[in-house]
């Protein structure tokens, strides 16, 4: 009897080891991200006694051989190492993922969107995280995901633009809790606590609650952004919006957003001083007669509050998520709308 039990245990470990082998994981991840992306996982180690798994690196990148048409949206993801702790082995034998913590080291996400490419023919809408989870045949239950030294680079070309606008979220440290496609665990939302440096400068801290049980995007959050030079915005808004910031300091920004059924509402309060910018052609970066006239009559603010002792302006935001917008980009677009309204660039 003991021999039978030991034999079954050894067989179970062999099956479990195969389930976490790089070739098997590469095939599983490729099935999720789609046929036009290739997945590469480095040397992997699984310890069934400790319930741990680690891999030297992971990379998910567009397959340039299969991308023969113009690309409206692409992305790539890399991480130097991944470690999973607290793996429940019996769940793994049933091809489910049930773990206490996943730790991603130096993850890098780069997303590119070219709005000049017509989306009707060659583009599929962004798939929300809960949609990915729901499509899985097996159960996923992750208590915590920890990110250290991460980076996100968002790049976008305007529909009437030539050059991309780029914005960087650097030095990301985040903790994400309660990630699951198990209905019994979805009574509590997925919580996200993230710290970063916007444009590699302004310290940001945001706390969000993400409902993974809904079909559309439902997320609530608030956060703050620390002091940064306003010229850091030029990498994004010059090529996207035709706004060139000459100078100024953003002292602090506070935001609160509530997204329900893909529609965001909220408030943004940005305190700044010495703001100076002009409207230019987003492609040539020069001013034609139209821009000269617009600069002459634009009603913008060089400071918020305008005078010491005054109550600072707080901008209301209202934005519907476009099919192209992933979660990170949509949250940022909502905050950016409030910033632009505070500056007086948009109504």
C-alpha atoms as a PDB file:
ATOM      1  CA  UNK A   1       0.000   0.000   0.000  1.00  0.00           C
ATOM      2  CA  UNK A   2       2.813   2.390   0.913  1.00  0.00           C
ATOM      3  CA  UNK A   3       4.521   1.624  -2.388  1.00  0.00           C
ATOM      4  CA  UNK A   4       1.336   2.518  -4.280  1.00  0.00           C
ATOM      5  CA  UNK A   5       1.016   5.806  -2.401  1.00  0.00           C
ATOM      6  CA  UNK A   6       4.665   6.676  -3.058  1.00  0.00           C
ATOM      7  CA  UNK A   7       4.294   5.778  -6.728  1.00  0.00           C
ATOM      8  CA  UNK A   8       1.242   8.011  -7.073  1.00  0.00           C
ATOM      9  CA  UNK A   9       3.066  10.840  -5.292  1.00  0.00           C
ATOM     10  CA  UNK A  10       6.048  10.549  -7.626  1.00  0.00           C
ATOM     11  CA  UNK A  11       3.736  10.454 -10.642  1.00  0.00           C
ATOM     12  CA  UNK A  12       1.973  13.550  -9.363  1.00  0.00           C
ATOM     13  CA  UNK A  13       5.280  15.403  -8.988  1.00  0.00           C
ATOM     14  CA  UNK A  14       6.296  14.434 -12.519  1.00  0.00           C
ATOM     15  CA  UNK A  15       2.985  15.706 -13.906  1.00  0.00           C
ATOM     16  CA  UNK A  16       3.235  18.909 -11.864  1.00  0.00           C
ATOM     17  CA  UNK A  17       6.815  19.472 -13.017  1.00  0.00           C
ATOM     18  CA  UNK A  18       5.701  19.143 -16.642  1.00  0.00           C
ATOM     19  CA  UNK A  19       2.885  21.654 -16.073  1.00  0.00           C
ATOM     20  CA  UNK A  20       5.401  24.317 -14.977  1.00  0.00           C
ATOM     21  CA  UNK A  21       8.047  23.559 -17.610  1.00  0.00           C
ATOM     22  CA  UNK A  22       8.959  26.532 -19.880  1.00  0.00           C
ATOM     23  CA  UNK A  23       7.639  24.903 -23.105  1.00  0.00           C
ATOM     24  CA  UNK A  24       4.260  24.126 -21.516  1.00  0.00           C
ATOM     25  CA  UNK A  25       3.970  27.599 -19.956  1.00  0.00           C
ATOM     26  CA  UNK A  26       4.964  29.256 -23.225  1.00  0.00           C
ATOM     27  CA  UNK A  27       2.167  27.421 -25.034  1.00  0.00           C
ATOM     28  CA  UNK A  28      -0.389  28.310 -22.347  1.00  0.00           C
ATOM     29  CA  UNK A  29       0.541  32.013 -22.328  1.00  0.00           C
ATOM     30  CA  UNK A  30       0.654  32.152 -26.140  1.00  0.00           C
ATOM     31  CA  UNK A  31      -2.893  30.794 -26.223  1.00  0.00           C
ATOM     32  CA  UNK A  32      -3.988  33.709 -24.031  1.00  0.00           C
ATOM     33  CA  UNK A  33      -2.175  36.619 -25.722  1.00  0.00           C
ATOM     34  CA  UNK A  34      -2.914  35.472 -29.270  1.00  0.00           C
ATOM     35  CA  UNK A  35      -1.135  33.990 -32.270  1.00  0.00           C
ATOM     36  CA  UNK A  36       0.661  37.191 -33.272  1.00  0.00           C
ATOM     37  CA  UNK A  37       2.797  37.229 -30.137  1.00  0.00           C
ATOM     38  CA  UNK A  38       5.678  34.964 -29.220  1.00  0.00           C
ATOM     39  CA  UNK A  39       6.491  33.928 -25.663  1.00  0.00           C
ATOM     40  CA  UNK A  40       9.900  33.052 -24.273  1.00  0.00           C
ATOM     41  CA  UNK A  41      10.553  31.844 -20.713  1.00  0.00           C
ATOM     42  CA  UNK A  42      14.044  31.273 -19.337  1.00  0.00           C
ATOM     43  CA  UNK A  43      15.374  28.460 -17.201  1.00  0.00           C
ATOM     44  CA  UNK A  44      12.670  27.469 -14.709  1.00  0.00           C
ATOM     45  CA  UNK A  45      12.804  25.681 -11.362  1.00  0.00           C
ATOM     46  CA  UNK A  46       9.898  24.119  -9.478  1.00  0.00           C
ATOM     47  CA  UNK A  47      10.161  22.930  -5.864  1.00  0.00           C
ATOM     48  CA  UNK A  48       7.061  20.925  -4.871  1.00  0.00           C
ATOM     49  CA  UNK A  49       8.204  20.617  -1.252  1.00  0.00           C
ATOM     50  CA  UNK A  50       8.419  24.376  -0.742  1.00  0.00           C
ATOM     51  CA  UNK A  51       5.669  25.115  -3.225  1.00  0.00           C
ATOM     52  CA  UNK A  52       7.803  27.547  -5.225  1.00  0.00           C
ATOM     53  CA  UNK A  53       8.466  28.239  -8.880  1.00  0.00           C
ATOM     54  CA  UNK A  54      11.000  30.622 -10.409  1.00  0.00           C
ATOM     55  CA  UNK A  55      12.087  31.543 -13.924  1.00  0.00           C
ATOM     56  CA  UNK A  56      15.084  33.583 -15.012  1.00  0.00           C
ATOM     57  CA  UNK A  57      13.114  35.808 -17.353  1.00  0.00           C
ATOM     58  CA  UNK A  58       9.946  36.088 -19.404  1.00  0.00           C
ATOM     59  CA  UNK A  59       9.370  37.944 -22.656  1.00  0.00           C
ATOM     60  CA  UNK A  60       6.148  38.442 -24.643  1.00  0.00           C
ATOM     61  CA  UNK A  61       6.748  40.246 -27.927  1.00  0.00           C
ATOM     62  CA  UNK A  62       5.031  40.763 -31.281  1.00  0.00           C
ATOM     63  CA  UNK A  63       5.875  38.121 -33.864  1.00  0.00           C
ATOM     64  CA  UNK A  64       7.171  40.314 -36.690  1.00  0.00           C
ATOM     65  CA  UNK A  65       6.876  37.432 -39.158  1.00  0.00           C
ATOM     66  CA  UNK A  66       3.110  37.219 -38.603  1.00  0.00           C
ATOM     67  CA  UNK A  67       2.567  40.996 -38.543  1.00  0.00           C
ATOM     68  CA  UNK A  68       2.341  41.729 -42.267  1.00  0.00           C
ATOM     69  CA  UNK A  69      -0.252  44.522 -42.115  1.00  0.00           C
ATOM     70  CA  UNK A  70       0.030  47.982 -40.614  1.00  0.00           C
ATOM     71  CA  UNK A  71      -0.182  47.773 -36.845  1.00  0.00           C
ATOM     72  CA  UNK A  72      -2.607  50.001 -34.986  1.00  0.00           C
ATOM     73  CA  UNK A  73      -1.673  48.699 -31.566  1.00  0.00           C
ATOM     74  CA  UNK A  74       1.161  46.518 -30.324  1.00  0.00           C
ATOM     75  CA  UNK A  75       2.795  45.872 -26.986  1.00  0.00           C
ATOM     76  CA  UNK A  76       5.629  43.904 -25.476  1.00  0.00           C
ATOM     77  CA  UNK A  77       6.390  42.753 -21.954  1.00  0.00           C
ATOM     78  CA  UNK A  78       9.592  41.570 -20.311  1.00  0.00           C
ATOM     79  CA  UNK A  79      10.668  40.749 -16.765  1.00  0.00           C
ATOM     80  CA  UNK A  80      14.121  39.724 -15.577  1.00  0.00           C
ATOM     81  CA  UNK A  81      12.741  37.193 -13.132  1.00  0.00           C
ATOM     82  CA  UNK A  82       9.491  35.766 -11.820  1.00  0.00           C
ATOM     83  CA  UNK A  83       8.975  33.887  -8.562  1.00  0.00           C
ATOM     84  CA  UNK A  84       5.813  32.187  -7.330  1.00  0.00           C
ATOM     85  CA  UNK A  85       5.462  31.182  -3.684  1.00  0.00           C
ATOM     86  CA  UNK A  86       2.850  29.242  -1.775  1.00  0.00           C
ATOM     87  CA  UNK A  87       1.775  27.071  -4.706  1.00  0.00           C
ATOM     88  CA  UNK A  88      -0.994  24.643  -3.755  1.00  0.00           C
ATOM     89  CA  UNK A  89       0.246  21.464  -5.422  1.00  0.00           C
ATOM     90  CA  UNK A  90      -3.105  19.691  -5.538  1.00  0.00           C
ATOM     91  CA  UNK A  91      -4.588  22.646  -7.407  1.00  0.00           C
ATOM     92  CA  UNK A  92      -1.643  22.531  -9.808  1.00  0.00           C
ATOM     93  CA  UNK A  93      -2.288  18.848 -10.509  1.00  0.00           C
ATOM     94  CA  UNK A  94      -5.783  19.858 -11.603  1.00  0.00           C
ATOM     95  CA  UNK A  95      -4.133  22.449 -13.875  1.00  0.00           C
ATOM     96  CA  UNK A  96      -5.312  25.317 -11.673  1.00  0.00           C
ATOM     97  CA  UNK A  97      -3.137  28.130 -10.340  1.00  0.00           C
ATOM     98  CA  UNK A  98      -3.595  28.728  -6.626  1.00  0.00           C
ATOM     99  CA  UNK A  99      -0.700  30.611  -5.050  1.00  0.00           C
ATOM    100  CA  UNK A 100       0.082  32.955  -2.176  1.00  0.00           C
ATOM    101  CA  UNK A 101       2.292  35.374  -4.105  1.00  0.00           C
ATOM    102  CA  UNK A 102       3.754  36.123  -7.527  1.00  0.00           C
ATOM    103  CA  UNK A 103       6.781  38.419  -7.576  1.00  0.00           C
ATOM    104  CA  UNK A 104       7.761  40.155 -10.814  1.00  0.00           C
ATOM    105  CA  UNK A 105      11.257  41.654 -10.929  1.00  0.00           C
ATOM    106  CA  UNK A 106      11.949  44.650 -13.231  1.00  0.00           C
ATOM    107  CA  UNK A 107       8.917  44.154 -15.489  1.00  0.00           C
ATOM    108  CA  UNK A 108       8.807  46.397 -18.563  1.00  0.00           C
ATOM    109  CA  UNK A 109       5.581  47.057 -20.488  1.00  0.00           C
ATOM    110  CA  UNK A 110       5.699  49.104 -23.688  1.00  0.00           C
ATOM    111  CA  UNK A 111       2.426  49.865 -25.467  1.00  0.00           C
ATOM    112  CA  UNK A 112       2.189  51.548 -28.882  1.00  0.00           C
ATOM    113  CA  UNK A 113      -0.984  52.951 -30.466  1.00  0.00           C
ATOM    114  CA  UNK A 114      -1.145  54.490 -33.947  1.00  0.00           C
ATOM    115  CA  UNK A 115      -4.546  56.128 -34.338  1.00  0.00           C
ATOM    116  CA  UNK A 116      -3.838  56.823 -38.037  1.00  0.00           C
ATOM    117  CA  UNK A 117      -4.488  53.162 -38.795  1.00  0.00           C
ATOM    118  CA  UNK A 118      -8.195  52.469 -39.365  1.00  0.00           C
ATOM    119  CA  UNK A 119      -9.378  50.178 -36.551  1.00  0.00           C
ATOM    120  CA  UNK A 120     -12.335  48.726 -38.458  1.00  0.00           C
ATOM    121  CA  UNK A 121     -10.339  46.318 -40.558  1.00  0.00           C
ATOM    122  CA  UNK A 122      -7.273  45.161 -38.686  1.00  0.00           C
ATOM    123  CA  UNK A 123      -7.740  45.840 -35.012  1.00  0.00           C
ATOM    124  CA  UNK A 124      -9.505  44.156 -32.158  1.00  0.00           C
ATOM    125  CA  UNK A 125     -10.551  46.073 -29.032  1.00  0.00           C
ATOM    126  CA  UNK A 126      -8.384  45.878 -25.942  1.00  0.00           C
ATOM    127  CA  UNK A 127      -9.185  42.874 -23.813  1.00  0.00           C
ATOM    128  CA  UNK A 128      -9.705  43.790 -20.169  1.00  0.00           C
ATOM    129  CA  UNK A 129      -7.917  41.698 -17.496  1.00  0.00           C
ATOM    130  CA  UNK A 130     -11.163  40.152 -16.234  1.00  0.00           C
ATOM    131  CA  UNK A 131     -11.982  39.062 -19.786  1.00  0.00           C
ATOM    132  CA  UNK A 132      -8.637  37.252 -19.993  1.00  0.00           C
ATOM    133  CA  UNK A 133      -9.329  35.575 -16.651  1.00  0.00           C
ATOM    134  CA  UNK A 134     -12.851  34.565 -17.614  1.00  0.00           C
ATOM    135  CA  UNK A 135     -11.676  32.916 -20.843  1.00  0.00           C
ATOM    136  CA  UNK A 136      -9.339  30.573 -18.985  1.00  0.00           C
ATOM    137  CA  UNK A 137     -10.522  26.988 -18.694  1.00  0.00           C
ATOM    138  CA  UNK A 138      -8.903  26.585 -15.287  1.00  0.00           C
ATOM    139  CA  UNK A 139      -9.253  28.349 -11.956  1.00  0.00           C
ATOM    140  CA  UNK A 140      -6.879  31.155 -10.981  1.00  0.00           C
ATOM    141  CA  UNK A 141      -6.516  32.260  -7.364  1.00  0.00           C
ATOM    142  CA  UNK A 142      -3.595  34.555  -6.519  1.00  0.00           C
ATOM    143  CA  UNK A 143      -3.459  36.229  -3.123  1.00  0.00           C
ATOM    144  CA  UNK A 144      -0.802  38.825  -3.993  1.00  0.00           C
ATOM    145  CA  UNK A 145       1.165  40.033  -6.998  1.00  0.00           C
ATOM    146  CA  UNK A 146       4.228  42.115  -6.089  1.00  0.00           C
ATOM    147  CA  UNK A 147       6.018  44.286  -8.645  1.00  0.00           C
ATOM    148  CA  UNK A 148       9.460  45.798  -8.033  1.00  0.00           C
ATOM    149  CA  UNK A 149      11.438  48.223 -10.219  1.00  0.00           C
ATOM    150  CA  UNK A 150       8.851  48.212 -13.006  1.00  0.00           C
ATOM    151  CA  UNK A 151       8.366  50.560 -15.933  1.00  0.00           C
ATOM    152  CA  UNK A 152       5.493  51.362 -18.309  1.00  0.00           C
ATOM    153  CA  UNK A 153       6.023  53.332 -21.514  1.00  0.00           C
ATOM    154  CA  UNK A 154       2.900  54.550 -23.353  1.00  0.00           C
ATOM    155  CA  UNK A 155       3.439  55.719 -26.933  1.00  0.00           C
ATOM    156  CA  UNK A 156       0.708  57.125 -29.171  1.00  0.00           C
ATOM    157  CA  UNK A 157       0.455  58.774 -32.588  1.00  0.00           C
ATOM    158  CA  UNK A 158      -2.490  61.151 -33.051  1.00  0.00           C
ATOM    159  CA  UNK A 159      -4.938  60.522 -35.898  1.00  0.00           C
ATOM    160  CA  UNK A 160      -3.616  63.680 -37.592  1.00  0.00           C
ATOM    161  CA  UNK A 161      -0.044  63.355 -36.334  1.00  0.00           C
ATOM    162  CA  UNK A 162       3.321  62.171 -37.573  1.00  0.00           C
ATOM    163  CA  UNK A 163       5.438  61.812 -34.429  1.00  0.00           C
ATOM    164  CA  UNK A 164       4.496  59.778 -31.366  1.00  0.00           C
ATOM    165  CA  UNK A 165       3.855  61.220 -27.948  1.00  0.00           C
ATOM    166  CA  UNK A 166       5.403  59.226 -25.121  1.00  0.00           C
ATOM    167  CA  UNK A 167       4.826  59.093 -21.386  1.00  0.00           C
ATOM    168  CA  UNK A 168       6.836  57.050 -18.904  1.00  0.00           C
ATOM    169  CA  UNK A 169       5.853  55.576 -15.544  1.00  0.00           C
ATOM    170  CA  UNK A 170       9.230  54.756 -13.977  1.00  0.00           C
ATOM    171  CA  UNK A 171      10.354  52.953 -10.820  1.00  0.00           C
ATOM    172  CA  UNK A 172       7.037  51.168 -10.346  1.00  0.00           C
ATOM    173  CA  UNK A 173       6.445  49.353  -7.062  1.00  0.00           C
ATOM    174  CA  UNK A 174       3.029  47.767  -6.719  1.00  0.00           C
ATOM    175  CA  UNK A 175       1.047  45.250  -4.697  1.00  0.00           C
ATOM    176  CA  UNK A 176      -2.064  43.712  -6.266  1.00  0.00           C
ATOM    177  CA  UNK A 177      -4.284  41.519  -4.126  1.00  0.00           C
ATOM    178  CA  UNK A 178      -7.114  39.054  -4.768  1.00  0.00           C
ATOM    179  CA  UNK A 179      -6.648  38.237  -8.454  1.00  0.00           C
ATOM    180  CA  UNK A 180      -9.046  35.437  -9.328  1.00  0.00           C
ATOM    181  CA  UNK A 181     -11.635  34.130 -11.752  1.00  0.00           C
ATOM    182  CA  UNK A 182     -13.304  32.168  -8.941  1.00  0.00           C
ATOM    183  CA  UNK A 183     -16.820  33.611  -8.387  1.00  0.00           C
ATOM    184  CA  UNK A 184     -16.668  32.664  -4.703  1.00  0.00           C
ATOM    185  CA  UNK A 185     -13.718  35.037  -4.204  1.00  0.00           C
ATOM    186  CA  UNK A 186     -15.060  37.975  -6.189  1.00  0.00           C
ATOM    187  CA  UNK A 187     -17.154  39.447  -3.405  1.00  0.00           C
ATOM    188  CA  UNK A 188     -13.990  41.362  -2.503  1.00  0.00           C
ATOM    189  CA  UNK A 189     -12.522  43.561  -5.246  1.00  0.00           C
ATOM    190  CA  UNK A 190      -9.003  43.304  -6.537  1.00  0.00           C
ATOM    191  CA  UNK A 191      -7.007  46.035  -4.776  1.00  0.00           C
ATOM    192  CA  UNK A 192      -4.031  47.814  -6.322  1.00  0.00           C
ATOM    193  CA  UNK A 193      -1.497  49.920  -4.414  1.00  0.00           C
ATOM    194  CA  UNK A 194       1.029  51.452  -6.783  1.00  0.00           C
ATOM    195  CA  UNK A 195       3.895  53.914  -6.532  1.00  0.00           C
ATOM    196  CA  UNK A 196       5.761  55.330  -9.500  1.00  0.00           C
ATOM    197  CA  UNK A 197       7.537  58.389 -10.903  1.00  0.00           C
ATOM    198  CA  UNK A 198       5.654  60.087 -13.746  1.00  0.00           C
ATOM    199  CA  UNK A 199       7.878  61.233 -16.607  1.00  0.00           C
ATOM    200  CA  UNK A 200      10.732  59.843 -14.483  1.00  0.00           C
ATOM    201  CA  UNK A 201      10.198  62.677 -11.968  1.00  0.00           C
ATOM    202  CA  UNK A 202       6.850  63.287 -10.226  1.00  0.00           C
ATOM    203  CA  UNK A 203       6.326  60.809  -7.375  1.00  0.00           C
ATOM    204  CA  UNK A 204       2.906  59.161  -7.713  1.00  0.00           C
ATOM    205  CA  UNK A 205       0.946  57.045  -5.250  1.00  0.00           C
ATOM    206  CA  UNK A 206      -2.402  55.555  -6.210  1.00  0.00           C
ATOM    207  CA  UNK A 207      -4.822  53.153  -4.521  1.00  0.00           C
ATOM    208  CA  UNK A 208      -7.505  51.454  -6.620  1.00  0.00           C
ATOM    209  CA  UNK A 209     -10.260  48.887  -6.208  1.00  0.00           C
ATOM    210  CA  UNK A 210     -10.927  46.882  -9.368  1.00  0.00           C
ATOM    211  CA  UNK A 211     -14.086  44.791  -9.785  1.00  0.00           C
ATOM    212  CA  UNK A 212     -13.058  41.678 -11.744  1.00  0.00           C
ATOM    213  CA  UNK A 213     -16.584  40.242 -11.735  1.00  0.00           C
ATOM    214  CA  UNK A 214     -18.046  42.710 -14.264  1.00  0.00           C
ATOM    215  CA  UNK A 215     -17.950  42.541 -18.059  1.00  0.00           C
ATOM    216  CA  UNK A 216     -17.084  46.238 -18.476  1.00  0.00           C
ATOM    217  CA  UNK A 217     -14.469  48.277 -16.641  1.00  0.00           C
ATOM    218  CA  UNK A 218     -15.438  49.125 -13.072  1.00  0.00           C
ATOM    219  CA  UNK A 219     -12.718  50.664 -10.923  1.00  0.00           C
ATOM    220  CA  UNK A 220     -12.485  53.277  -8.164  1.00  0.00           C
ATOM    221  CA  UNK A 221      -9.336  55.026  -7.086  1.00  0.00           C
ATOM    222  CA  UNK A 222      -7.556  58.078  -5.835  1.00  0.00           C
ATOM    223  CA  UNK A 223      -3.991  59.236  -5.771  1.00  0.00           C
ATOM    224  CA  UNK A 224      -1.437  61.998  -5.610  1.00  0.00           C
ATOM    225  CA  UNK A 225       1.408  63.154  -7.850  1.00  0.00           C
ATOM    226  CA  UNK A 226       4.326  65.106  -6.437  1.00  0.00           C
ATOM    227  CA  UNK A 227       6.325  68.051  -7.709  1.00  0.00           C
ATOM    228  CA  UNK A 228       7.607  67.996 -11.283  1.00  0.00           C
ATOM    229  CA  UNK A 229       8.792  70.445 -13.915  1.00  0.00           C
ATOM    230  CA  UNK A 230       5.980  71.157 -16.365  1.00  0.00           C
ATOM    231  CA  UNK A 231       8.328  70.812 -19.348  1.00  0.00           C
ATOM    232  CA  UNK A 232       8.362  67.060 -18.636  1.00  0.00           C
ATOM    233  CA  UNK A 233       4.895  66.961 -20.232  1.00  0.00           C
ATOM    234  CA  UNK A 234       6.289  67.941 -23.645  1.00  0.00           C
ATOM    235  CA  UNK A 235       7.252  64.366 -24.520  1.00  0.00           C
ATOM    236  CA  UNK A 236       3.541  63.559 -24.502  1.00  0.00           C
ATOM    237  CA  UNK A 237       1.427  66.625 -25.316  1.00  0.00           C
ATOM    238  CA  UNK A 238       3.639  68.274 -27.942  1.00  0.00           C
ATOM    239  CA  UNK A 239       3.187  65.590 -30.591  1.00  0.00           C
ATOM    240  CA  UNK A 240      -0.301  64.541 -29.491  1.00  0.00           C
ATOM    241  CA  UNK A 241      -1.950  67.883 -28.764  1.00  0.00           C
ATOM    242  CA  UNK A 242       0.302  70.532 -30.308  1.00  0.00           C
ATOM    243  CA  UNK A 243       1.024  72.127 -26.905  1.00  0.00           C
ATOM    244  CA  UNK A 244       4.585  73.229 -26.145  1.00  0.00           C
ATOM    245  CA  UNK A 245       5.324  73.973 -22.493  1.00  0.00           C
ATOM    246  CA  UNK A 246       8.012  76.635 -22.111  1.00  0.00           C
ATOM    247  CA  UNK A 247       8.202  76.591 -18.346  1.00  0.00           C
ATOM    248  CA  UNK A 248       6.464  76.220 -15.033  1.00  0.00           C
ATOM    249  CA  UNK A 249       6.282  73.946 -12.018  1.00  0.00           C
ATOM    250  CA  UNK A 250       3.568  71.496 -11.062  1.00  0.00           C
ATOM    251  CA  UNK A 251       3.678  71.449  -7.263  1.00  0.00           C
ATOM    252  CA  UNK A 252       1.153  68.690  -6.621  1.00  0.00           C
ATOM    253  CA  UNK A 253      -1.779  66.877  -8.187  1.00  0.00           C
ATOM    254  CA  UNK A 254      -4.633  65.024  -6.535  1.00  0.00           C
ATOM    255  CA  UNK A 255      -7.185  62.877  -8.360  1.00  0.00           C
ATOM    256  CA  UNK A 256     -10.250  60.809  -7.590  1.00  0.00           C
ATOM    257  CA  UNK A 257     -11.915  58.700 -10.269  1.00  0.00           C
ATOM    258  CA  UNK A 258     -14.877  56.348 -10.397  1.00  0.00           C
ATOM    259  CA  UNK A 259     -15.303  54.153 -13.478  1.00  0.00           C
ATOM    260  CA  UNK A 260     -18.528  52.249 -14.048  1.00  0.00           C
ATOM    261  CA  UNK A 261     -19.473  50.461 -17.261  1.00  0.00           C
ATOM    262  CA  UNK A 262     -16.488  51.991 -19.094  1.00  0.00           C
ATOM    263  CA  UNK A 263     -17.374  55.591 -18.143  1.00  0.00           C
ATOM    264  CA  UNK A 264     -15.120  57.567 -15.806  1.00  0.00           C
ATOM    265  CA  UNK A 265     -16.219  60.429 -13.588  1.00  0.00           C
ATOM    266  CA  UNK A 266     -14.146  62.194 -11.006  1.00  0.00           C
ATOM    267  CA  UNK A 267     -12.145  65.210  -9.926  1.00  0.00           C
ATOM    268  CA  UNK A 268      -8.582  66.419 -10.472  1.00  0.00           C
ATOM    269  CA  UNK A 269      -6.892  69.243  -8.586  1.00  0.00           C
ATOM    270  CA  UNK A 270      -3.521  70.372  -9.914  1.00  0.00           C
ATOM    271  CA  UNK A 271      -1.531  73.122  -8.152  1.00  0.00           C
ATOM    272  CA  UNK A 272       1.012  74.833 -10.389  1.00  0.00           C
ATOM    273  CA  UNK A 273       2.821  78.142 -10.916  1.00  0.00           C
ATOM    274  CA  UNK A 274       4.731  79.985 -13.597  1.00  0.00           C
ATOM    275  CA  UNK A 275       3.013  77.988 -16.334  1.00  0.00           C
ATOM    276  CA  UNK A 276       3.845  79.154 -19.839  1.00  0.00           C
ATOM    277  CA  UNK A 277       2.949  77.308 -23.031  1.00  0.00           C
ATOM    278  CA  UNK A 278       2.027  77.965 -26.652  1.00  0.00           C
ATOM    279  CA  UNK A 279      -0.014  76.146 -29.277  1.00  0.00           C
ATOM    280  CA  UNK A 280       1.983  74.871 -32.266  1.00  0.00           C
ATOM    281  CA  UNK A 281       1.575  72.491 -35.184  1.00  0.00           C
ATOM    282  CA  UNK A 282       2.008  68.998 -33.731  1.00  0.00           C
ATOM    283  CA  UNK A 283       3.980  67.835 -36.770  1.00  0.00           C
ATOM    284  CA  UNK A 284       6.246  70.774 -37.664  1.00  0.00           C
ATOM    285  CA  UNK A 285       6.364  72.212 -34.107  1.00  0.00           C
ATOM    286  CA  UNK A 286       5.968  75.644 -35.690  1.00  0.00           C
ATOM    287  CA  UNK A 287       3.248  78.285 -35.445  1.00  0.00           C
ATOM    288  CA  UNK A 288       1.156  79.123 -38.487  1.00  0.00           C
ATOM    289  CA  UNK A 289      -1.379  81.953 -38.603  1.00  0.00           C
ATOM    290  CA  UNK A 290      -4.055  79.773 -36.978  1.00  0.00           C
ATOM    291  CA  UNK A 291      -1.830  78.982 -34.028  1.00  0.00           C
ATOM    292  CA  UNK A 292      -0.665  82.599 -33.678  1.00  0.00           C
ATOM    293  CA  UNK A 293      -4.291  83.694 -33.527  1.00  0.00           C
ATOM    294  CA  UNK A 294      -5.169  80.955 -31.035  1.00  0.00           C
ATOM    295  CA  UNK A 295      -2.235  81.894 -28.801  1.00  0.00           C
ATOM    296  CA  UNK A 296      -3.341  85.533 -28.886  1.00  0.00           C
ATOM    297  CA  UNK A 297      -6.857  84.759 -27.622  1.00  0.00           C
ATOM    298  CA  UNK A 298      -6.360  81.606 -25.539  1.00  0.00           C
ATOM    299  CA  UNK A 299      -7.739  81.875 -22.022  1.00  0.00           C
ATOM    300  CA  UNK A 300      -5.237  79.901 -20.022  1.00  0.00           C
ATOM    301  CA  UNK A 301      -4.008  80.144 -16.452  1.00  0.00           C
ATOM    302  CA  UNK A 302      -0.403  80.589 -15.408  1.00  0.00           C
ATOM    303  CA  UNK A 303      -1.068  79.452 -11.835  1.00  0.00           C
ATOM    304  CA  UNK A 304      -3.553  77.522  -9.717  1.00  0.00           C
ATOM    305  CA  UNK A 305      -4.571  79.097  -7.418  1.00  0.00           C
ATOM    306  CA  UNK A 306      -4.362  82.280  -9.467  1.00  0.00           C
ATOM    307  CA  UNK A 307      -3.601  84.407  -6.396  1.00  0.00           C
ATOM    308  CA  UNK A 308      -2.208  83.427  -2.966  1.00  0.00           C
ATOM    309  CA  UNK A 309      -5.007  82.663  -0.533  1.00  0.00           C
ATOM    310  CA  UNK A 310      -7.550  81.829  -3.218  1.00  0.00           C
ATOM    311  CA  UNK A 311      -9.297  78.472  -3.347  1.00  0.00           C
ATOM    312  CA  UNK A 312      -7.597  76.378  -6.074  1.00  0.00           C
ATOM    313  CA  UNK A 313      -9.632  75.190  -9.043  1.00  0.00           C
ATOM    314  CA  UNK A 314     -10.731  71.552  -9.083  1.00  0.00           C
ATOM    315  CA  UNK A 315     -11.621  70.148 -12.509  1.00  0.00           C
ATOM    316  CA  UNK A 316     -14.425  67.666 -13.086  1.00  0.00           C
ATOM    317  CA  UNK A 317     -13.653  64.799 -15.469  1.00  0.00           C
ATOM    318  CA  UNK A 318     -15.997  62.699 -17.581  1.00  0.00           C
ATOM    319  CA  UNK A 319     -14.610  60.267 -20.134  1.00  0.00           C
ATOM    320  CA  UNK A 320     -15.833  57.134 -21.916  1.00  0.00           C
ATOM    321  CA  UNK A 321     -13.313  54.386 -22.556  1.00  0.00           C
ATOM    322  CA  UNK A 322     -12.519  53.788 -26.220  1.00  0.00           C
ATOM    323  CA  UNK A 323     -12.071  50.188 -27.412  1.00  0.00           C
ATOM    324  CA  UNK A 324      -8.340  50.862 -27.898  1.00  0.00           C
ATOM    325  CA  UNK A 325      -7.778  51.927 -24.285  1.00  0.00           C
ATOM    326  CA  UNK A 326      -6.405  49.429 -21.810  1.00  0.00           C
ATOM    327  CA  UNK A 327      -6.925  49.964 -18.078  1.00  0.00           C
ATOM    328  CA  UNK A 328      -3.665  51.820 -17.407  1.00  0.00           C
ATOM    329  CA  UNK A 329      -4.048  54.130 -20.383  1.00  0.00           C
ATOM    330  CA  UNK A 330      -7.691  54.928 -19.619  1.00  0.00           C
ATOM    331  CA  UNK A 331      -6.944  55.882 -16.004  1.00  0.00           C
ATOM    332  CA  UNK A 332      -4.115  58.110 -17.198  1.00  0.00           C
ATOM    333  CA  UNK A 333      -6.300  59.712 -19.920  1.00  0.00           C
ATOM    334  CA  UNK A 334      -8.887  60.546 -17.268  1.00  0.00           C
ATOM    335  CA  UNK A 335      -6.311  62.227 -15.025  1.00  0.00           C
ATOM    336  CA  UNK A 336      -4.814  64.007 -18.038  1.00  0.00           C
ATOM    337  CA  UNK A 337      -8.237  65.415 -18.973  1.00  0.00           C
ATOM    338  CA  UNK A 338      -8.465  67.030 -15.544  1.00  0.00           C
ATOM    339  CA  UNK A 339      -4.968  68.466 -15.906  1.00  0.00           C
ATOM    340  CA  UNK A 340      -5.766  69.966 -19.314  1.00  0.00           C
ATOM    341  CA  UNK A 341      -8.974  71.526 -17.944  1.00  0.00           C
ATOM    342  CA  UNK A 342      -7.104  73.018 -15.000  1.00  0.00           C
ATOM    343  CA  UNK A 343      -4.631  74.632 -17.407  1.00  0.00           C
ATOM    344  CA  UNK A 344      -7.501  75.995 -19.500  1.00  0.00           C
ATOM    345  CA  UNK A 345      -6.437  74.089 -22.625  1.00  0.00           C
ATOM    346  CA  UNK A 346      -9.833  72.372 -22.895  1.00  0.00           C
ATOM    347  CA  UNK A 347     -13.242  73.311 -21.495  1.00  0.00           C
END
